[in-house]
């Protein structure tokens, strides 16, 4: 699936499209400030993409130690930039589209 991060943020639906993989569903909720729904999704899945989103969520909430753990699980470097920019970069990477 190829979708731009901007289109991803603007999607008007009340729920993420069912065909999105779990990591993107979690980012869909995160883009709408629903941290709990996003976290519930990534907690239920044990793959590198969900670990990356999990790291992003904990960094956004200010839990750096927990975020570092999840970045390691995802095999990713700890992000330091703006949260929205990181979310857009993850969406782009997971959908094969440049931010």
PDB file of N, CA and C in Angstrom:
ATOM      1  N   UNK A   1       0.844  -1.181   0.000  1.00  0.00           N
ATOM      2  CA  UNK A   1       0.000   0.000   0.000  1.00  0.00           C
ATOM      3  C   UNK A   1       0.885   1.238   0.000  1.00  0.00           C
ATOM      4  N   UNK A   2       0.617   2.172  -0.907  1.00  0.00           N
ATOM      5  CA  UNK A   2       1.355   3.425  -0.978  1.00  0.00           C
ATOM      6  C   UNK A   2       0.383   4.546  -0.698  1.00  0.00           C
ATOM      7  N   UNK A   3       0.693   5.327   0.323  1.00  0.00           N
ATOM      8  CA  UNK A   3      -0.151   6.461   0.688  1.00  0.00           C
ATOM      9  C   UNK A   3       0.759   7.528   1.280  1.00  0.00           C
ATOM     10  N   UNK A   4       0.502   8.770   0.952  1.00  0.00           N
ATOM     11  CA  UNK A   4       1.340   9.836   1.498  1.00  0.00           C
ATOM     12  C   UNK A   4       0.987  10.059   2.964  1.00  0.00           C
ATOM     13  N   UNK A   5       1.981  10.480   3.756  1.00  0.00           N
ATOM     14  CA  UNK A   5       1.687  10.776   5.164  1.00  0.00           C
ATOM     15  C   UNK A   5       0.606  11.846   5.322  1.00  0.00           C
ATOM     16  N   UNK A   6       0.578  12.845   4.429  1.00  0.00           N
ATOM     17  CA  UNK A   6      -0.442  13.890   4.520  1.00  0.00           C
ATOM     18  C   UNK A   6      -1.836  13.303   4.292  1.00  0.00           C
ATOM     19  N   UNK A   7      -1.971  12.439   3.307  1.00  0.00           N
ATOM     20  CA  UNK A   7      -3.263  11.794   3.052  1.00  0.00           C
ATOM     21  C   UNK A   7      -3.658  10.907   4.219  1.00  0.00           C
ATOM     22  N   UNK A   8      -2.687  10.260   4.799  1.00  0.00           N
ATOM     23  CA  UNK A   8      -2.924   9.390   5.957  1.00  0.00           C
ATOM     24  C   UNK A   8      -3.509  10.205   7.117  1.00  0.00           C
ATOM     25  N   UNK A   9      -2.938  11.387   7.374  1.00  0.00           N
ATOM     26  CA  UNK A   9      -3.416  12.247   8.472  1.00  0.00           C
ATOM     27  C   UNK A   9      -4.811  12.790   8.205  1.00  0.00           C
ATOM     28  N   UNK A  10      -5.128  13.050   6.931  1.00  0.00           N
ATOM     29  CA  UNK A  10      -6.403  13.683   6.585  1.00  0.00           C
ATOM     30  C   UNK A  10      -7.557  12.716   6.449  1.00  0.00           C
ATOM     31  N   UNK A  11      -7.305  11.443   6.468  1.00  0.00           N
ATOM     32  CA  UNK A  11      -8.385  10.469   6.266  1.00  0.00           C
ATOM     33  C   UNK A  11      -9.521  10.760   7.244  1.00  0.00           C
ATOM     34  N   UNK A  12     -10.747  10.970   6.734  1.00  0.00           N
ATOM     35  CA  UNK A  12     -11.850  11.412   7.581  1.00  0.00           C
ATOM     36  C   UNK A  12     -12.564  10.308   8.374  1.00  0.00           C
ATOM     37  N   UNK A  13     -12.241   9.078   8.112  1.00  0.00           N
ATOM     38  CA  UNK A  13     -12.969   7.975   8.755  1.00  0.00           C
ATOM     39  C   UNK A  13     -12.819   8.019  10.278  1.00  0.00           C
ATOM     40  N   UNK A  14     -13.803   7.438  10.941  1.00  0.00           N
ATOM     41  CA  UNK A  14     -13.768   7.373  12.403  1.00  0.00           C
ATOM     42  C   UNK A  14     -12.892   6.212  12.888  1.00  0.00           C
ATOM     43  N   UNK A  15     -12.658   5.255  12.008  1.00  0.00           N
ATOM     44  CA  UNK A  15     -11.811   4.095  12.309  1.00  0.00           C
ATOM     45  C   UNK A  15     -10.820   3.948  11.165  1.00  0.00           C
ATOM     46  N   UNK A  16      -9.649   3.395  11.443  1.00  0.00           N
ATOM     47  CA  UNK A  16      -8.694   3.191  10.344  1.00  0.00           C
ATOM     48  C   UNK A  16      -9.217   2.119   9.388  1.00  0.00           C
ATOM     49  N   UNK A  17      -8.826   2.206   8.129  1.00  0.00           N
ATOM     50  CA  UNK A  17      -9.245   1.159   7.182  1.00  0.00           C
ATOM     51  C   UNK A  17      -8.800  -0.214   7.676  1.00  0.00           C
ATOM     52  N   UNK A  18      -9.670  -1.179   7.588  1.00  0.00           N
ATOM     53  CA  UNK A  18      -9.392  -2.527   8.101  1.00  0.00           C
ATOM     54  C   UNK A  18      -8.219  -3.185   7.397  1.00  0.00           C
ATOM     55  N   UNK A  19      -7.950  -2.787   6.151  1.00  0.00           N
ATOM     56  CA  UNK A  19      -6.856  -3.417   5.423  1.00  0.00           C
ATOM     57  C   UNK A  19      -5.471  -2.924   5.849  1.00  0.00           C
ATOM     58  N   UNK A  20      -5.426  -1.872   6.660  1.00  0.00           N
ATOM     59  CA  UNK A  20      -4.130  -1.400   7.141  1.00  0.00           C
ATOM     60  C   UNK A  20      -3.528  -2.413   8.112  1.00  0.00           C
ATOM     61  N   UNK A  21      -2.222  -2.633   8.022  1.00  0.00           N
ATOM     62  CA  UNK A  21      -1.589  -3.511   9.004  1.00  0.00           C
ATOM     63  C   UNK A  21      -1.631  -2.860  10.391  1.00  0.00           C
ATOM     64  N   UNK A  22      -1.437  -3.641  11.456  1.00  0.00           N
ATOM     65  CA  UNK A  22      -1.566  -3.115  12.821  1.00  0.00           C
ATOM     66  C   UNK A  22      -0.721  -1.868  13.103  1.00  0.00           C
ATOM     67  N   UNK A  23       0.517  -1.839  12.646  1.00  0.00           N
ATOM     68  CA  UNK A  23       1.367  -0.676  12.929  1.00  0.00           C
ATOM     69  C   UNK A  23       0.764   0.600  12.346  1.00  0.00           C
ATOM     70  N   UNK A  24       0.223   0.521  11.138  1.00  0.00           N
ATOM     71  CA  UNK A  24      -0.400   1.695  10.527  1.00  0.00           C
ATOM     72  C   UNK A  24      -1.727   2.036  11.180  1.00  0.00           C
ATOM     73  N   UNK A  25      -2.462   1.033  11.623  1.00  0.00           N
ATOM     74  CA  UNK A  25      -3.683   1.330  12.375  1.00  0.00           C
ATOM     75  C   UNK A  25      -3.330   2.104  13.649  1.00  0.00           C
ATOM     76  N   UNK A  26      -2.281   1.681  14.325  1.00  0.00           N
ATOM     77  CA  UNK A  26      -1.853   2.380  15.546  1.00  0.00           C
ATOM     78  C   UNK A  26      -1.440   3.815  15.228  1.00  0.00           C
ATOM     79  N   UNK A  27      -0.701   4.019  14.146  1.00  0.00           N
ATOM     80  CA  UNK A  27      -0.304   5.380  13.766  1.00  0.00           C
ATOM     81  C   UNK A  27      -1.510   6.222  13.384  1.00  0.00           C
ATOM     82  N   UNK A  28      -2.524   5.599  12.790  1.00  0.00           N
ATOM     83  CA  UNK A  28      -3.754   6.313  12.458  1.00  0.00           C
ATOM     84  C   UNK A  28      -4.363   6.901  13.738  1.00  0.00           C
ATOM     85  N   UNK A  29      -4.431   6.077  14.794  1.00  0.00           N
ATOM     86  CA  UNK A  29      -4.963   6.567  16.068  1.00  0.00           C
ATOM     87  C   UNK A  29      -4.037   7.614  16.686  1.00  0.00           C
ATOM     88  N   UNK A  30      -2.737   7.399  16.592  1.00  0.00           N
ATOM     89  CA  UNK A  30      -1.783   8.365  17.144  1.00  0.00           C
ATOM     90  C   UNK A  30      -1.919   9.723  16.459  1.00  0.00           C
ATOM     91  N   UNK A  31      -2.165   9.722  15.156  1.00  0.00           N
ATOM     92  CA  UNK A  31      -2.332  10.974  14.415  1.00  0.00           C
ATOM     93  C   UNK A  31      -3.587  11.723  14.845  1.00  0.00           C
ATOM     94  N   UNK A  32      -4.486  11.029  15.519  1.00  0.00           N
ATOM     95  CA  UNK A  32      -5.728  11.631  16.011  1.00  0.00           C
ATOM     96  C   UNK A  32      -5.714  11.777  17.534  1.00  0.00           C
ATOM     97  N   UNK A  33      -4.506  11.740  18.086  1.00  0.00           N
ATOM     98  CA  UNK A  33      -4.302  11.927  19.530  1.00  0.00           C
ATOM     99  C   UNK A  33      -5.019  10.898  20.394  1.00  0.00           C
ATOM    100  N   UNK A  34      -5.169   9.691  19.885  1.00  0.00           N
ATOM    101  CA  UNK A  34      -5.758   8.611  20.676  1.00  0.00           C
ATOM    102  C   UNK A  34      -4.637   7.630  21.052  1.00  0.00           C
ATOM    103  N   UNK A  35      -3.811   8.054  22.007  1.00  0.00           N
ATOM    104  CA  UNK A  35      -2.638   7.290  22.420  1.00  0.00           C
ATOM    105  C   UNK A  35      -3.036   5.907  22.924  1.00  0.00           C
ATOM    106  N   UNK A  36      -4.078   5.832  23.701  1.00  0.00           N
ATOM    107  CA  UNK A  36      -4.486   4.550  24.295  1.00  0.00           C
ATOM    108  C   UNK A  36      -4.861   3.523  23.229  1.00  0.00           C
ATOM    109  N   UNK A  37      -5.647   3.923  22.240  1.00  0.00           N
ATOM    110  CA  UNK A  37      -6.022   2.985  21.180  1.00  0.00           C
ATOM    111  C   UNK A  37      -4.792   2.540  20.403  1.00  0.00           C
ATOM    112  N   UNK A  38      -3.897   3.480  20.124  1.00  0.00           N
ATOM    113  CA  UNK A  38      -2.665   3.147  19.406  1.00  0.00           C
ATOM    114  C   UNK A  38      -1.822   2.174  20.221  1.00  0.00           C
ATOM    115  N   UNK A  39      -1.691   2.436  21.489  1.00  0.00           N
ATOM    116  CA  UNK A  39      -0.876   1.591  22.363  1.00  0.00           C
ATOM    117  C   UNK A  39      -1.473   0.195  22.489  1.00  0.00           C
ATOM    118  N   UNK A  40      -2.789   0.110  22.600  1.00  0.00           N
ATOM    119  CA  UNK A  40      -3.442  -1.204  22.686  1.00  0.00           C
ATOM    120  C   UNK A  40      -3.105  -2.064  21.465  1.00  0.00           C
ATOM    121  N   UNK A  41      -3.080  -1.442  20.300  1.00  0.00           N
ATOM    122  CA  UNK A  41      -2.780  -2.195  19.079  1.00  0.00           C
ATOM    123  C   UNK A  41      -1.349  -2.707  19.090  1.00  0.00           C
ATOM    124  N   UNK A  42      -0.389  -1.838  19.374  1.00  0.00           N
ATOM    125  CA  UNK A  42       1.012  -2.279  19.314  1.00  0.00           C
ATOM    126  C   UNK A  42       1.345  -3.275  20.415  1.00  0.00           C
ATOM    127  N   UNK A  43       0.652  -3.184  21.529  1.00  0.00           N
ATOM    128  CA  UNK A  43       0.877  -4.152  22.613  1.00  0.00           C
ATOM    129  C   UNK A  43       0.424  -5.555  22.212  1.00  0.00           C
ATOM    130  N   UNK A  44      -0.522  -5.631  21.301  1.00  0.00           N
ATOM    131  CA  UNK A  44      -1.082  -6.919  20.896  1.00  0.00           C
ATOM    132  C   UNK A  44      -0.291  -7.592  19.771  1.00  0.00           C
ATOM    133  N   UNK A  45       0.759  -6.926  19.276  1.00  0.00           N
ATOM    134  CA  UNK A  45       1.512  -7.474  18.139  1.00  0.00           C
ATOM    135  C   UNK A  45       3.008  -7.455  18.433  1.00  0.00           C
ATOM    136  N   UNK A  46       3.669  -8.527  18.083  1.00  0.00           N
ATOM    137  CA  UNK A  46       5.092  -8.677  18.369  1.00  0.00           C
ATOM    138  C   UNK A  46       5.891  -8.729  17.070  1.00  0.00           C
ATOM    139  N   UNK A  47       5.963  -7.576  16.379  1.00  0.00           N
ATOM    140  CA  UNK A  47       6.758  -7.503  15.156  1.00  0.00           C
ATOM    141  C   UNK A  47       7.537  -6.192  15.170  1.00  0.00           C
ATOM    142  N   UNK A  48       8.495  -6.072  14.291  1.00  0.00           N
ATOM    143  CA  UNK A  48       9.378  -4.906  14.282  1.00  0.00           C
ATOM    144  C   UNK A  48       8.631  -3.608  13.975  1.00  0.00           C
ATOM    145  N   UNK A  49       7.643  -3.658  13.078  1.00  0.00           N
ATOM    146  CA  UNK A  49       6.897  -2.444  12.746  1.00  0.00           C
ATOM    147  C   UNK A  49       6.124  -1.929  13.958  1.00  0.00           C
ATOM    148  N   UNK A  50       5.461  -2.827  14.668  1.00  0.00           N
ATOM    149  CA  UNK A  50       4.728  -2.406  15.867  1.00  0.00           C
ATOM    150  C   UNK A  50       5.687  -1.953  16.968  1.00  0.00           C
ATOM    151  N   UNK A  51       6.849  -2.574  17.058  1.00  0.00           N
ATOM    152  CA  UNK A  51       7.845  -2.132  18.046  1.00  0.00           C
ATOM    153  C   UNK A  51       8.293  -0.706  17.737  1.00  0.00           C
ATOM    154  N   UNK A  52       8.450  -0.378  16.454  1.00  0.00           N
ATOM    155  CA  UNK A  52       8.847   0.974  16.056  1.00  0.00           C
ATOM    156  C   UNK A  52       7.776   1.984  16.446  1.00  0.00           C
ATOM    157  N   UNK A  53       6.523   1.662  16.161  1.00  0.00           N
ATOM    158  CA  UNK A  53       5.424   2.553  16.539  1.00  0.00           C
ATOM    159  C   UNK A  53       5.330   2.640  18.063  1.00  0.00           C
ATOM    160  N   UNK A  54       5.537   1.531  18.743  1.00  0.00           N
ATOM    161  CA  UNK A  54       5.517   1.500  20.204  1.00  0.00           C
ATOM    162  C   UNK A  54       6.572   2.467  20.753  1.00  0.00           C
ATOM    163  N   UNK A  55       7.763   2.443  20.166  1.00  0.00           N
ATOM    164  CA  UNK A  55       8.826   3.369  20.579  1.00  0.00           C
ATOM    165  C   UNK A  55       8.379   4.815  20.390  1.00  0.00           C
ATOM    166  N   UNK A  56       7.805   5.104  19.235  1.00  0.00           N
ATOM    167  CA  UNK A  56       7.325   6.456  18.938  1.00  0.00           C
ATOM    168  C   UNK A  56       6.294   6.907  19.972  1.00  0.00           C
ATOM    169  N   UNK A  57       5.372   6.025  20.317  1.00  0.00           N
ATOM    170  CA  UNK A  57       4.336   6.380  21.291  1.00  0.00           C
ATOM    171  C   UNK A  57       4.933   6.709  22.650  1.00  0.00           C
ATOM    172  N   UNK A  58       5.884   5.893  23.102  1.00  0.00           N
ATOM    173  CA  UNK A  58       6.477   6.154  24.415  1.00  0.00           C
ATOM    174  C   UNK A  58       7.365   7.393  24.400  1.00  0.00           C
ATOM    175  N   UNK A  59       8.023   7.665  23.280  1.00  0.00           N
ATOM    176  CA  UNK A  59       8.797   8.911  23.172  1.00  0.00           C
ATOM    177  C   UNK A  59       7.856  10.104  23.239  1.00  0.00           C
ATOM    178  N   UNK A  60       6.719  10.015  22.548  1.00  0.00           N
ATOM    179  CA  UNK A  60       5.757  11.114  22.549  1.00  0.00           C
ATOM    180  C   UNK A  60       5.180  11.365  23.941  1.00  0.00           C
ATOM    181  N   UNK A  61       5.040  10.308  24.734  1.00  0.00           N
ATOM    182  CA  UNK A  61       4.492  10.501  26.081  1.00  0.00           C
ATOM    183  C   UNK A  61       5.574  10.926  27.078  1.00  0.00           C
ATOM    184  N   UNK A  62       6.837  10.927  26.644  1.00  0.00           N
ATOM    185  CA  UNK A  62       7.926  11.374  27.513  1.00  0.00           C
ATOM    186  C   UNK A  62       8.631  10.261  28.266  1.00  0.00           C
ATOM    187  N   UNK A  63       8.311   9.017  27.970  1.00  0.00           N
ATOM    188  CA  UNK A  63       8.934   7.867  28.640  1.00  0.00           C
ATOM    189  C   UNK A  63      10.134   7.397  27.807  1.00  0.00           C
ATOM    190  N   UNK A  64      11.246   8.105  27.940  1.00  0.00           N
ATOM    191  CA  UNK A  64      12.418   7.860  27.096  1.00  0.00           C
ATOM    192  C   UNK A  64      13.035   6.488  27.307  1.00  0.00           C
ATOM    193  N   UNK A  65      13.081   6.013  28.547  1.00  0.00           N
ATOM    194  CA  UNK A  65      13.671   4.692  28.794  1.00  0.00           C
ATOM    195  C   UNK A  65      12.872   3.600  28.087  1.00  0.00           C
ATOM    196  N   UNK A  66      11.568   3.664  28.212  1.00  0.00           N
ATOM    197  CA  UNK A  66      10.709   2.684  27.553  1.00  0.00           C
ATOM    198  C   UNK A  66      10.829   2.821  26.029  1.00  0.00           C
ATOM    199  N   UNK A  67      10.876   4.050  25.543  1.00  0.00           N
ATOM    200  CA  UNK A  67      11.031   4.281  24.108  1.00  0.00           C
ATOM    201  C   UNK A  67      12.333   3.666  23.600  1.00  0.00           C
ATOM    202  N   UNK A  68      13.433   3.868  24.324  1.00  0.00           N
ATOM    203  CA  UNK A  68      14.720   3.296  23.897  1.00  0.00           C
ATOM    204  C   UNK A  68      14.637   1.774  23.795  1.00  0.00           C
ATOM    205  N   UNK A  69      13.970   1.157  24.760  1.00  0.00           N
ATOM    206  CA  UNK A  69      13.795  -0.293  24.724  1.00  0.00           C
ATOM    207  C   UNK A  69      13.093  -0.704  23.431  1.00  0.00           C
ATOM    208  N   UNK A  70      12.004  -0.018  23.066  1.00  0.00           N
ATOM    209  CA  UNK A  70      11.234  -0.392  21.883  1.00  0.00           C
ATOM    210  C   UNK A  70      11.968  -0.053  20.593  1.00  0.00           C
ATOM    211  N   UNK A  71      12.759   1.027  20.580  1.00  0.00           N
ATOM    212  CA  UNK A  71      13.589   1.295  19.403  1.00  0.00           C
ATOM    213  C   UNK A  71      14.577   0.145  19.190  1.00  0.00           C
ATOM    214  N   UNK A  72      15.174  -0.332  20.283  1.00  0.00           N
ATOM    215  CA  UNK A  72      16.092  -1.479  20.159  1.00  0.00           C
ATOM    216  C   UNK A  72      15.348  -2.698  19.620  1.00  0.00           C
ATOM    217  N   UNK A  73      14.157  -2.977  20.135  1.00  0.00           N
ATOM    218  CA  UNK A  73      13.368  -4.126  19.655  1.00  0.00           C
ATOM    219  C   UNK A  73      13.035  -3.987  18.170  1.00  0.00           C
ATOM    220  N   UNK A  74      12.848  -2.743  17.732  1.00  0.00           N
ATOM    221  CA  UNK A  74      12.518  -2.491  16.328  1.00  0.00           C
ATOM    222  C   UNK A  74      13.756  -2.480  15.433  1.00  0.00           C
ATOM    223  N   UNK A  75      14.933  -2.413  16.043  1.00  0.00           N
ATOM    224  CA  UNK A  75      16.157  -2.308  15.262  1.00  0.00           C
ATOM    225  C   UNK A  75      16.333  -0.929  14.654  1.00  0.00           C
ATOM    226  N   UNK A  76      15.829   0.092  15.326  1.00  0.00           N
ATOM    227  CA  UNK A  76      15.875   1.473  14.829  1.00  0.00           C
ATOM    228  C   UNK A  76      16.651   2.362  15.789  1.00  0.00           C
ATOM    229  N   UNK A  77      17.201   3.425  15.245  1.00  0.00           N
ATOM    230  CA  UNK A  77      17.862   4.435  16.080  1.00  0.00           C
ATOM    231  C   UNK A  77      16.797   5.265  16.786  1.00  0.00           C
ATOM    232  N   UNK A  78      17.114   5.733  17.976  1.00  0.00           N
ATOM    233  CA  UNK A  78      16.184   6.596  18.712  1.00  0.00           C
ATOM    234  C   UNK A  78      15.987   7.898  17.942  1.00  0.00           C
ATOM    235  N   UNK A  79      14.754   8.280  17.769  1.00  0.00           N
ATOM    236  CA  UNK A  79      14.425   9.527  17.086  1.00  0.00           C
ATOM    237  C   UNK A  79      14.634  10.695  18.041  1.00  0.00           C
ATOM    238  N   UNK A  80      14.921  11.849  17.470  1.00  0.00           N
ATOM    239  CA  UNK A  80      15.127  13.044  18.291  1.00  0.00           C
ATOM    240  C   UNK A  80      14.349  14.245  17.768  1.00  0.00           C
ATOM    241  N   UNK A  81      13.794  14.139  16.581  1.00  0.00           N
ATOM    242  CA  UNK A  81      13.092  15.268  15.970  1.00  0.00           C
ATOM    243  C   UNK A  81      11.668  15.417  16.466  1.00  0.00           C
ATOM    244  N   UNK A  82      10.920  16.209  15.741  1.00  0.00           N
ATOM    245  CA  UNK A  82       9.514  16.462  16.079  1.00  0.00           C
ATOM    246  C   UNK A  82       8.708  15.167  15.966  1.00  0.00           C
ATOM    247  N   UNK A  83       7.750  15.024  16.839  1.00  0.00           N
ATOM    248  CA  UNK A  83       6.930  13.799  16.876  1.00  0.00           C
ATOM    249  C   UNK A  83       6.132  13.611  15.586  1.00  0.00           C
ATOM    250  N   UNK A  84       5.534  14.692  15.084  1.00  0.00           N
ATOM    251  CA  UNK A  84       4.759  14.578  13.845  1.00  0.00           C
ATOM    252  C   UNK A  84       5.657  14.182  12.680  1.00  0.00           C
ATOM    253  N   UNK A  85       6.862  14.718  12.635  1.00  0.00           N
ATOM    254  CA  UNK A  85       7.803  14.368  11.567  1.00  0.00           C
ATOM    255  C   UNK A  85       8.211  12.909  11.671  1.00  0.00           C
ATOM    256  N   UNK A  86       8.412  12.431  12.895  1.00  0.00           N
ATOM    257  CA  UNK A  86       8.753  11.019  13.063  1.00  0.00           C
ATOM    258  C   UNK A  86       7.585  10.139  12.624  1.00  0.00           C
ATOM    259  N   UNK A  87       6.374  10.500  13.041  1.00  0.00           N
ATOM    260  CA  UNK A  87       5.204   9.712  12.643  1.00  0.00           C
ATOM    261  C   UNK A  87       5.079   9.679  11.126  1.00  0.00           C
ATOM    262  N   UNK A  88       5.272  10.838  10.473  1.00  0.00           N
ATOM    263  CA  UNK A  88       5.208  10.883   9.015  1.00  0.00           C
ATOM    264  C   UNK A  88       6.279   9.996   8.384  1.00  0.00           C
ATOM    265  N   UNK A  89       7.466   9.980   8.952  1.00  0.00           N
ATOM    266  CA  UNK A  89       8.555   9.152   8.423  1.00  0.00           C
ATOM    267  C   UNK A  89       8.233   7.668   8.578  1.00  0.00           C
ATOM    268  N   UNK A  90       7.635   7.294   9.697  1.00  0.00           N
ATOM    269  CA  UNK A  90       7.256   5.893   9.899  1.00  0.00           C
ATOM    270  C   UNK A  90       6.164   5.510   8.904  1.00  0.00           C
ATOM    271  N   UNK A  91       5.152   6.367   8.750  1.00  0.00           N
ATOM    272  CA  UNK A  91       4.101   6.099   7.774  1.00  0.00           C
ATOM    273  C   UNK A  91       4.707   5.933   6.390  1.00  0.00           C
ATOM    274  N   UNK A  92       5.592   6.844   6.023  1.00  0.00           N
ATOM    275  CA  UNK A  92       6.228   6.772   4.709  1.00  0.00           C
ATOM    276  C   UNK A  92       7.006   5.475   4.531  1.00  0.00           C
ATOM    277  N   UNK A  93       7.740   5.080   5.548  1.00  0.00           N
ATOM    278  CA  UNK A  93       8.525   3.850   5.463  1.00  0.00           C
ATOM    279  C   UNK A  93       7.626   2.619   5.362  1.00  0.00           C
ATOM    280  N   UNK A  94       6.561   2.620   6.117  1.00  0.00           N
ATOM    281  CA  UNK A  94       5.674   1.452   6.126  1.00  0.00           C
ATOM    282  C   UNK A  94       4.759   1.387   4.897  1.00  0.00           C
ATOM    283  N   UNK A  95       4.595   2.507   4.230  1.00  0.00           N
ATOM    284  CA  UNK A  95       3.755   2.526   3.029  1.00  0.00           C
ATOM    285  C   UNK A  95       4.575   2.731   1.755  1.00  0.00           C
ATOM    286  N   UNK A  96       5.883   2.789   1.911  1.00  0.00           N
ATOM    287  CA  UNK A  96       6.799   2.949   0.763  1.00  0.00           C
ATOM    288  C   UNK A  96       6.575   4.267   0.022  1.00  0.00           C
ATOM    289  N   UNK A  97       6.273   5.318   0.772  1.00  0.00           N
ATOM    290  CA  UNK A  97       6.031   6.625   0.173  1.00  0.00           C
ATOM    291  C   UNK A  97       6.909   7.654   0.882  1.00  0.00           C
ATOM    292  N   UNK A  98       7.477   8.576   0.148  1.00  0.00           N
ATOM    293  CA  UNK A  98       8.324   9.600   0.770  1.00  0.00           C
ATOM    294  C   UNK A  98       7.457  10.626   1.483  1.00  0.00           C
ATOM    295  N   UNK A  99       7.937  11.094   2.666  1.00  0.00           N
ATOM    296  CA  UNK A  99       7.158  12.115   3.395  1.00  0.00           C
ATOM    297  C   UNK A  99       7.086  13.439   2.653  1.00  0.00           C
TER     298      UNK A  99
END
